[in-house]
């Protein structure tokens, strides 16, 4: 799967958020502020995983062989990824 710039930018944004959280911890910020930011990163990770999995599902279906069994296997694999991402 090829990852587009939008997905890469999401990950870079999360990376920046995590660096900010580490700085907050080093500065002994209130735990509620830290938890709020960690929750935001977790949500961003979940959304990014959803985007990647949904893109993968479309790719699997489009690239599947005409053979019904192989198509079913690829779709099941993509659905399993979606389930794991939740």
PDB file of N, CA and C in Angstrom:
ATOM      1  N   UNK A   1       0.841  -1.178   0.000  1.00  0.00           N
ATOM      2  CA  UNK A   1       0.000   0.000   0.000  1.00  0.00           C
ATOM      3  C   UNK A   1       0.883   1.238   0.000  1.00  0.00           C
ATOM      4  N   UNK A   2       0.491   2.194  -0.786  1.00  0.00           N
ATOM      5  CA  UNK A   2       1.220   3.463  -0.827  1.00  0.00           C
ATOM      6  C   UNK A   2       0.522   4.454   0.111  1.00  0.00           C
ATOM      7  N   UNK A   3       1.291   5.101   0.965  1.00  0.00           N
ATOM      8  CA  UNK A   3       0.741   6.048   1.930  1.00  0.00           C
ATOM      9  C   UNK A   3       0.872   7.460   1.365  1.00  0.00           C
ATOM     10  N   UNK A   4      -0.255   8.142   1.251  1.00  0.00           N
ATOM     11  CA  UNK A   4      -0.232   9.484   0.672  1.00  0.00           C
ATOM     12  C   UNK A   4       0.231  10.514   1.702  1.00  0.00           C
ATOM     13  N   UNK A   5       0.439  11.734   1.235  1.00  0.00           N
ATOM     14  CA  UNK A   5       0.942  12.797   2.103  1.00  0.00           C
ATOM     15  C   UNK A   5      -0.037  13.140   3.222  1.00  0.00           C
ATOM     16  N   UNK A   6      -1.329  12.994   2.973  1.00  0.00           N
ATOM     17  CA  UNK A   6      -2.325  13.295   4.001  1.00  0.00           C
ATOM     18  C   UNK A   6      -2.137  12.365   5.214  1.00  0.00           C
ATOM     19  N   UNK A   7      -1.938  11.097   4.938  1.00  0.00           N
ATOM     20  CA  UNK A   7      -1.738  10.142   6.032  1.00  0.00           C
ATOM     21  C   UNK A   7      -0.411  10.423   6.735  1.00  0.00           C
ATOM     22  N   UNK A   8       0.622  10.677   5.980  1.00  0.00           N
ATOM     23  CA  UNK A   8       1.928  10.973   6.578  1.00  0.00           C
ATOM     24  C   UNK A   8       1.855  12.231   7.437  1.00  0.00           C
ATOM     25  N   UNK A   9       1.117  13.239   6.974  1.00  0.00           N
ATOM     26  CA  UNK A   9       0.975  14.468   7.753  1.00  0.00           C
ATOM     27  C   UNK A   9       0.226  14.218   9.059  1.00  0.00           C
ATOM     28  N   UNK A  10      -0.754  13.334   9.032  1.00  0.00           N
ATOM     29  CA  UNK A  10      -1.465  12.971  10.266  1.00  0.00           C
ATOM     30  C   UNK A  10      -0.480  12.400  11.287  1.00  0.00           C
ATOM     31  N   UNK A  11       0.388  11.517  10.825  1.00  0.00           N
ATOM     32  CA  UNK A  11       1.359  10.883  11.725  1.00  0.00           C
ATOM     33  C   UNK A  11       2.366  11.915  12.237  1.00  0.00           C
ATOM     34  N   UNK A  12       2.783  12.811  11.385  1.00  0.00           N
ATOM     35  CA  UNK A  12       3.709  13.868  11.810  1.00  0.00           C
ATOM     36  C   UNK A  12       3.070  14.762  12.860  1.00  0.00           C
ATOM     37  N   UNK A  13       1.776  15.050  12.689  1.00  0.00           N
ATOM     38  CA  UNK A  13       1.049  15.860  13.664  1.00  0.00           C
ATOM     39  C   UNK A  13       0.999  15.146  15.012  1.00  0.00           C
ATOM     40  N   UNK A  14       0.753  13.839  14.979  1.00  0.00           N
ATOM     41  CA  UNK A  14       0.728  13.052  16.220  1.00  0.00           C
ATOM     42  C   UNK A  14       2.105  13.051  16.883  1.00  0.00           C
ATOM     43  N   UNK A  15       3.127  12.944  16.051  1.00  0.00           N
ATOM     44  CA  UNK A  15       4.501  12.970  16.567  1.00  0.00           C
ATOM     45  C   UNK A  15       4.744  14.282  17.321  1.00  0.00           C
ATOM     46  N   UNK A  16       4.297  15.381  16.745  1.00  0.00           N
ATOM     47  CA  UNK A  16       4.440  16.680  17.398  1.00  0.00           C
ATOM     48  C   UNK A  16       3.648  16.753  18.693  1.00  0.00           C
ATOM     49  N   UNK A  17       2.445  16.199  18.679  1.00  0.00           N
ATOM     50  CA  UNK A  17       1.634  16.176  19.893  1.00  0.00           C
ATOM     51  C   UNK A  17       2.328  15.377  20.988  1.00  0.00           C
ATOM     52  N   UNK A  18       2.908  14.244  20.622  1.00  0.00           N
ATOM     53  CA  UNK A  18       3.600  13.426  21.619  1.00  0.00           C
ATOM     54  C   UNK A  18       4.813  14.146  22.200  1.00  0.00           C
ATOM     55  N   UNK A  19       5.540  14.851  21.347  1.00  0.00           N
ATOM     56  CA  UNK A  19       6.679  15.641  21.852  1.00  0.00           C
ATOM     57  C   UNK A  19       6.187  16.706  22.830  1.00  0.00           C
ATOM     58  N   UNK A  20       5.051  17.319  22.488  1.00  0.00           N
ATOM     59  CA  UNK A  20       4.460  18.321  23.375  1.00  0.00           C
ATOM     60  C   UNK A  20       4.044  17.723  24.708  1.00  0.00           C
ATOM     61  N   UNK A  21       3.511  16.520  24.681  1.00  0.00           N
ATOM     62  CA  UNK A  21       3.108  15.845  25.915  1.00  0.00           C
ATOM     63  C   UNK A  21       4.327  15.542  26.776  1.00  0.00           C
ATOM     64  N   UNK A  22       5.384  15.075  26.149  1.00  0.00           N
ATOM     65  CA  UNK A  22       6.611  14.806  26.898  1.00  0.00           C
ATOM     66  C   UNK A  22       7.125  16.085  27.557  1.00  0.00           C
ATOM     67  N   UNK A  23       7.063  17.188  26.844  1.00  0.00           N
ATOM     68  CA  UNK A  23       7.491  18.489  27.403  1.00  0.00           C
ATOM     69  C   UNK A  23       6.613  18.860  28.587  1.00  0.00           C
ATOM     70  N   UNK A  24       5.300  18.630  28.452  1.00  0.00           N
ATOM     71  CA  UNK A  24       4.383  18.912  29.556  1.00  0.00           C
ATOM     72  C   UNK A  24       4.760  18.094  30.789  1.00  0.00           C
ATOM     73  N   UNK A  25       5.124  16.837  30.573  1.00  0.00           N
ATOM     74  CA  UNK A  25       5.519  15.975  31.688  1.00  0.00           C
ATOM     75  C   UNK A  25       6.802  16.474  32.328  1.00  0.00           C
ATOM     76  N   UNK A  26       7.751  16.861  31.490  1.00  0.00           N
ATOM     77  CA  UNK A  26       9.017  17.381  32.007  1.00  0.00           C
ATOM     78  C   UNK A  26       8.812  18.672  32.794  1.00  0.00           C
ATOM     79  N   UNK A  27       7.795  19.451  32.405  1.00  0.00           N
ATOM     80  CA  UNK A  27       7.471  20.701  33.099  1.00  0.00           C
ATOM     81  C   UNK A  27       6.501  20.494  34.255  1.00  0.00           C
ATOM     82  N   UNK A  28       6.222  19.218  34.572  1.00  0.00           N
ATOM     83  CA  UNK A  28       5.320  18.860  35.667  1.00  0.00           C
ATOM     84  C   UNK A  28       3.952  19.520  35.559  1.00  0.00           C
ATOM     85  N   UNK A  29       3.391  19.524  34.359  1.00  0.00           N
ATOM     86  CA  UNK A  29       2.049  20.078  34.152  1.00  0.00           C
ATOM     87  C   UNK A  29       1.021  19.190  34.842  1.00  0.00           C
ATOM     88  N   UNK A  30      -0.144  19.746  35.069  1.00  0.00           N
ATOM     89  CA  UNK A  30      -1.236  19.042  35.720  1.00  0.00           C
ATOM     90  C   UNK A  30      -1.587  17.776  34.948  1.00  0.00           C
ATOM     91  N   UNK A  31      -1.860  16.697  35.677  1.00  0.00           N
ATOM     92  CA  UNK A  31      -2.115  15.403  35.019  1.00  0.00           C
ATOM     93  C   UNK A  31      -3.360  15.471  34.139  1.00  0.00           C
ATOM     94  N   UNK A  32      -4.335  16.295  34.478  1.00  0.00           N
ATOM     95  CA  UNK A  32      -5.534  16.404  33.637  1.00  0.00           C
ATOM     96  C   UNK A  32      -5.201  16.945  32.256  1.00  0.00           C
ATOM     97  N   UNK A  33      -4.285  17.892  32.206  1.00  0.00           N
ATOM     98  CA  UNK A  33      -3.859  18.436  30.914  1.00  0.00           C
ATOM     99  C   UNK A  33      -3.130  17.372  30.095  1.00  0.00           C
ATOM    100  N   UNK A  34      -2.282  16.605  30.756  1.00  0.00           N
ATOM    101  CA  UNK A  34      -1.519  15.551  30.076  1.00  0.00           C
ATOM    102  C   UNK A  34      -2.480  14.485  29.545  1.00  0.00           C
ATOM    103  N   UNK A  35      -3.422  14.063  30.379  1.00  0.00           N
ATOM    104  CA  UNK A  35      -4.379  13.037  29.970  1.00  0.00           C
ATOM    105  C   UNK A  35      -5.237  13.535  28.811  1.00  0.00           C
ATOM    106  N   UNK A  36      -5.630  14.793  28.844  1.00  0.00           N
ATOM    107  CA  UNK A  36      -6.418  15.371  27.746  1.00  0.00           C
ATOM    108  C   UNK A  36      -5.650  15.276  26.438  1.00  0.00           C
ATOM    109  N   UNK A  37      -4.369  15.603  26.480  1.00  0.00           N
ATOM    110  CA  UNK A  37      -3.553  15.550  25.273  1.00  0.00           C
ATOM    111  C   UNK A  37      -3.304  14.111  24.819  1.00  0.00           C
ATOM    112  N   UNK A  38      -3.091  13.212  25.769  1.00  0.00           N
ATOM    113  CA  UNK A  38      -2.917  11.804  25.417  1.00  0.00           C
ATOM    114  C   UNK A  38      -4.187  11.245  24.769  1.00  0.00           C
ATOM    115  N   UNK A  39      -5.317  11.659  25.276  1.00  0.00           N
ATOM    116  CA  UNK A  39      -6.589  11.228  24.700  1.00  0.00           C
ATOM    117  C   UNK A  39      -6.738  11.737  23.270  1.00  0.00           C
ATOM    118  N   UNK A  40      -6.307  12.952  23.033  1.00  0.00           N
ATOM    119  CA  UNK A  40      -6.362  13.517  21.681  1.00  0.00           C
ATOM    120  C   UNK A  40      -5.477  12.731  20.720  1.00  0.00           C
ATOM    121  N   UNK A  41      -4.299  12.334  21.184  1.00  0.00           N
ATOM    122  CA  UNK A  41      -3.394  11.538  20.343  1.00  0.00           C
ATOM    123  C   UNK A  41      -4.005  10.173  20.062  1.00  0.00           C
ATOM    124  N   UNK A  42      -4.591   9.565  21.083  1.00  0.00           N
ATOM    125  CA  UNK A  42      -5.220   8.259  20.889  1.00  0.00           C
ATOM    126  C   UNK A  42      -6.338   8.353  19.847  1.00  0.00           C
ATOM    127  N   UNK A  43      -7.136   9.402  19.904  1.00  0.00           N
ATOM    128  CA  UNK A  43      -8.205   9.595  18.916  1.00  0.00           C
ATOM    129  C   UNK A  43      -7.617   9.776  17.517  1.00  0.00           C
ATOM    130  N   UNK A  44      -6.534  10.528  17.432  1.00  0.00           N
ATOM    131  CA  UNK A  44      -5.888  10.756  16.139  1.00  0.00           C
ATOM    132  C   UNK A  44      -5.333   9.450  15.572  1.00  0.00           C
ATOM    133  N   UNK A  45      -4.767   8.612  16.436  1.00  0.00           N
ATOM    134  CA  UNK A  45      -4.253   7.310  15.997  1.00  0.00           C
ATOM    135  C   UNK A  45      -5.406   6.456  15.484  1.00  0.00           C
ATOM    136  N   UNK A  46      -6.497   6.415  16.230  1.00  0.00           N
ATOM    137  CA  UNK A  46      -7.657   5.619  15.819  1.00  0.00           C
ATOM    138  C   UNK A  46      -8.199   6.079  14.467  1.00  0.00           C
ATOM    139  N   UNK A  47      -8.320   7.387  14.290  1.00  0.00           N
ATOM    140  CA  UNK A  47      -8.828   7.908  13.011  1.00  0.00           C
ATOM    141  C   UNK A  47      -7.874   7.579  11.868  1.00  0.00           C
ATOM    142  N   UNK A  48      -6.582   7.698  12.112  1.00  0.00           N
ATOM    143  CA  UNK A  48      -5.591   7.397  11.077  1.00  0.00           C
ATOM    144  C   UNK A  48      -5.626   5.917  10.720  1.00  0.00           C
ATOM    145  N   UNK A  49      -5.759   5.069  11.714  1.00  0.00           N
ATOM    146  CA  UNK A  49      -5.875   3.631  11.437  1.00  0.00           C
ATOM    147  C   UNK A  49      -7.112   3.356  10.593  1.00  0.00           C
ATOM    148  N   UNK A  50      -8.208   4.031  10.888  1.00  0.00           N
ATOM    149  CA  UNK A  50      -9.427   3.858  10.103  1.00  0.00           C
ATOM    150  C   UNK A  50      -9.238   4.249   8.654  1.00  0.00           C
ATOM    151  N   UNK A  51      -8.538   5.364   8.428  1.00  0.00           N
ATOM    152  CA  UNK A  51      -8.273   5.820   7.059  1.00  0.00           C
ATOM    153  C   UNK A  51      -7.419   4.793   6.324  1.00  0.00           C
ATOM    154  N   UNK A  52      -6.380   4.300   6.985  1.00  0.00           N
ATOM    155  CA  UNK A  52      -5.486   3.329   6.350  1.00  0.00           C
ATOM    156  C   UNK A  52      -6.230   2.030   6.047  1.00  0.00           C
ATOM    157  N   UNK A  53      -6.999   1.542   7.001  1.00  0.00           N
ATOM    158  CA  UNK A  53      -7.723   0.291   6.799  1.00  0.00           C
ATOM    159  C   UNK A  53      -8.765   0.431   5.699  1.00  0.00           C
ATOM    160  N   UNK A  54      -9.504   1.542   5.694  1.00  0.00           N
ATOM    161  CA  UNK A  54     -10.527   1.711   4.655  1.00  0.00           C
ATOM    162  C   UNK A  54      -9.883   1.825   3.274  1.00  0.00           C
ATOM    163  N   UNK A  55      -8.753   2.491   3.193  1.00  0.00           N
ATOM    164  CA  UNK A  55      -8.035   2.571   1.919  1.00  0.00           C
ATOM    165  C   UNK A  55      -7.555   1.193   1.498  1.00  0.00           C
ATOM    166  N   UNK A  56      -7.080   0.418   2.472  1.00  0.00           N
ATOM    167  CA  UNK A  56      -6.606  -0.928   2.190  1.00  0.00           C
ATOM    168  C   UNK A  56      -7.754  -1.805   1.699  1.00  0.00           C
ATOM    169  N   UNK A  57      -8.935  -1.654   2.274  1.00  0.00           N
ATOM    170  CA  UNK A  57     -10.085  -2.445   1.854  1.00  0.00           C
ATOM    171  C   UNK A  57     -10.426  -2.166   0.397  1.00  0.00           C
ATOM    172  N   UNK A  58     -10.459  -0.901   0.041  1.00  0.00           N
ATOM    173  CA  UNK A  58     -10.748  -0.530  -1.341  1.00  0.00           C
ATOM    174  C   UNK A  58      -9.679  -1.102  -2.267  1.00  0.00           C
ATOM    175  N   UNK A  59      -8.417  -0.965  -1.864  1.00  0.00           N
ATOM    176  CA  UNK A  59      -7.306  -1.478  -2.669  1.00  0.00           C
ATOM    177  C   UNK A  59      -7.408  -2.991  -2.828  1.00  0.00           C
ATOM    178  N   UNK A  60      -7.731  -3.696  -1.755  1.00  0.00           N
ATOM    179  CA  UNK A  60      -7.849  -5.164  -1.816  1.00  0.00           C
ATOM    180  C   UNK A  60      -8.944  -5.580  -2.788  1.00  0.00           C
ATOM    181  N   UNK A  61     -10.066  -4.908  -2.721  1.00  0.00           N
ATOM    182  CA  UNK A  61     -11.179  -5.267  -3.593  1.00  0.00           C
ATOM    183  C   UNK A  61     -10.841  -4.953  -5.046  1.00  0.00           C
ATOM    184  N   UNK A  62     -10.254  -3.804  -5.287  1.00  0.00           N
ATOM    185  CA  UNK A  62      -9.936  -3.414  -6.659  1.00  0.00           C
ATOM    186  C   UNK A  62      -8.870  -4.288  -7.285  1.00  0.00           C
ATOM    187  N   UNK A  63      -7.914  -4.749  -6.479  1.00  0.00           N
ATOM    188  CA  UNK A  63      -6.806  -5.530  -7.009  1.00  0.00           C
ATOM    189  C   UNK A  63      -7.026  -7.034  -6.919  1.00  0.00           C
ATOM    190  N   UNK A  64      -8.155  -7.447  -6.364  1.00  0.00           N
ATOM    191  CA  UNK A  64      -8.419  -8.879  -6.173  1.00  0.00           C
ATOM    192  C   UNK A  64      -8.506  -9.596  -7.510  1.00  0.00           C
ATOM    193  N   UNK A  65      -8.055 -10.835  -7.490  1.00  0.00           N
ATOM    194  CA  UNK A  65      -8.188 -11.674  -8.681  1.00  0.00           C
ATOM    195  C   UNK A  65      -9.656 -11.930  -8.951  1.00  0.00           C
ATOM    196  N   UNK A  66      -9.968 -12.371 -10.114  1.00  0.00           N
ATOM    197  CA  UNK A  66     -11.345 -12.692 -10.489  1.00  0.00           C
ATOM    198  C   UNK A  66     -11.825 -13.937  -9.750  1.00  0.00           C
ATOM    199  N   UNK A  67     -10.885 -14.699  -9.217  1.00  0.00           N
ATOM    200  CA  UNK A  67     -11.208 -15.908  -8.465  1.00  0.00           C
ATOM    201  C   UNK A  67     -11.943 -15.535  -7.182  1.00  0.00           C
ATOM    202  N   UNK A  68     -13.164 -16.045  -7.026  1.00  0.00           N
ATOM    203  CA  UNK A  68     -14.007 -15.700  -5.883  1.00  0.00           C
ATOM    204  C   UNK A  68     -13.380 -16.003  -4.539  1.00  0.00           C
ATOM    205  N   UNK A  69     -12.674 -17.133  -4.409  1.00  0.00           N
ATOM    206  CA  UNK A  69     -12.073 -17.487  -3.129  1.00  0.00           C
ATOM    207  C   UNK A  69     -10.984 -16.501  -2.739  1.00  0.00           C
ATOM    208  N   UNK A  70     -10.165 -16.136  -3.676  1.00  0.00           N
ATOM    209  CA  UNK A  70      -9.088 -15.189  -3.371  1.00  0.00           C
ATOM    210  C   UNK A  70      -9.680 -13.835  -2.986  1.00  0.00           C
ATOM    211  N   UNK A  71     -10.698 -13.391  -3.696  1.00  0.00           N
ATOM    212  CA  UNK A  71     -11.363 -12.126  -3.377  1.00  0.00           C
ATOM    213  C   UNK A  71     -11.920 -12.176  -1.962  1.00  0.00           C
ATOM    214  N   UNK A  72     -12.590 -13.263  -1.628  1.00  0.00           N
ATOM    215  CA  UNK A  72     -13.152 -13.404  -0.281  1.00  0.00           C
ATOM    216  C   UNK A  72     -12.068 -13.364   0.783  1.00  0.00           C
ATOM    217  N   UNK A  73     -10.943 -14.018   0.532  1.00  0.00           N
ATOM    218  CA  UNK A  73      -9.833 -14.013   1.483  1.00  0.00           C
ATOM    219  C   UNK A  73      -9.310 -12.595   1.695  1.00  0.00           C
ATOM    220  N   UNK A  74      -9.121 -11.852   0.614  1.00  0.00           N
ATOM    221  CA  UNK A  74      -8.613 -10.484   0.716  1.00  0.00           C
ATOM    222  C   UNK A  74      -9.591  -9.587   1.467  1.00  0.00           C
ATOM    223  N   UNK A  75     -10.870  -9.749   1.191  1.00  0.00           N
ATOM    224  CA  UNK A  75     -11.886  -8.940   1.889  1.00  0.00           C
ATOM    225  C   UNK A  75     -11.905  -9.299   3.376  1.00  0.00           C
ATOM    226  N   UNK A  76     -11.833 -10.597   3.711  1.00  0.00           N
ATOM    227  CA  UNK A  76     -11.800 -11.009   5.111  1.00  0.00           C
ATOM    228  C   UNK A  76     -10.582 -10.430   5.823  1.00  0.00           C
ATOM    229  N   UNK A  77      -9.455 -10.450   5.157  1.00  0.00           N
ATOM    230  CA  UNK A  77      -8.229  -9.891   5.745  1.00  0.00           C
ATOM    231  C   UNK A  77      -8.392  -8.399   6.027  1.00  0.00           C
ATOM    232  N   UNK A  78      -8.965  -7.674   5.079  1.00  0.00           N
ATOM    233  CA  UNK A  78      -9.165  -6.234   5.265  1.00  0.00           C
ATOM    234  C   UNK A  78     -10.162  -5.963   6.390  1.00  0.00           C
ATOM    235  N   UNK A  79     -11.225  -6.763   6.456  1.00  0.00           N
ATOM    236  CA  UNK A  79     -12.198  -6.593   7.544  1.00  0.00           C
ATOM    237  C   UNK A  79     -11.561  -6.903   8.892  1.00  0.00           C
ATOM    238  N   UNK A  80     -10.715  -7.928   8.952  1.00  0.00           N
ATOM    239  CA  UNK A  80     -10.002  -8.233  10.194  1.00  0.00           C
ATOM    240  C   UNK A  80      -9.118  -7.073  10.633  1.00  0.00           C
ATOM    241  N   UNK A  81      -8.475  -6.414   9.680  1.00  0.00           N
ATOM    242  CA  UNK A  81      -7.683  -5.224  10.000  1.00  0.00           C
ATOM    243  C   UNK A  81      -8.571  -4.133  10.575  1.00  0.00           C
ATOM    244  N   UNK A  82      -9.730  -3.965   9.997  1.00  0.00           N
ATOM    245  CA  UNK A  82     -10.670  -2.947  10.474  1.00  0.00           C
ATOM    246  C   UNK A  82     -11.095  -3.264  11.905  1.00  0.00           C
ATOM    247  N   UNK A  83     -11.389  -4.525  12.187  1.00  0.00           N
ATOM    248  CA  UNK A  83     -11.789  -4.929  13.529  1.00  0.00           C
ATOM    249  C   UNK A  83     -10.650  -4.682  14.525  1.00  0.00           C
ATOM    250  N   UNK A  84      -9.428  -5.011  14.143  1.00  0.00           N
ATOM    251  CA  UNK A  84      -8.271  -4.791  15.014  1.00  0.00           C
ATOM    252  C   UNK A  84      -8.053  -3.303  15.283  1.00  0.00           C
ATOM    253  N   UNK A  85      -8.398  -2.467  14.329  1.00  0.00           N
ATOM    254  CA  UNK A  85      -8.151  -1.036  14.494  1.00  0.00           C
ATOM    255  C   UNK A  85      -9.124  -0.392  15.460  1.00  0.00           C
ATOM    256  N   UNK A  86     -10.188  -1.079  15.808  1.00  0.00           N
ATOM    257  CA  UNK A  86     -11.200  -0.523  16.712  1.00  0.00           C
ATOM    258  C   UNK A  86     -10.937  -1.012  18.073  1.00  0.00           C
TER     259      UNK A  86
END
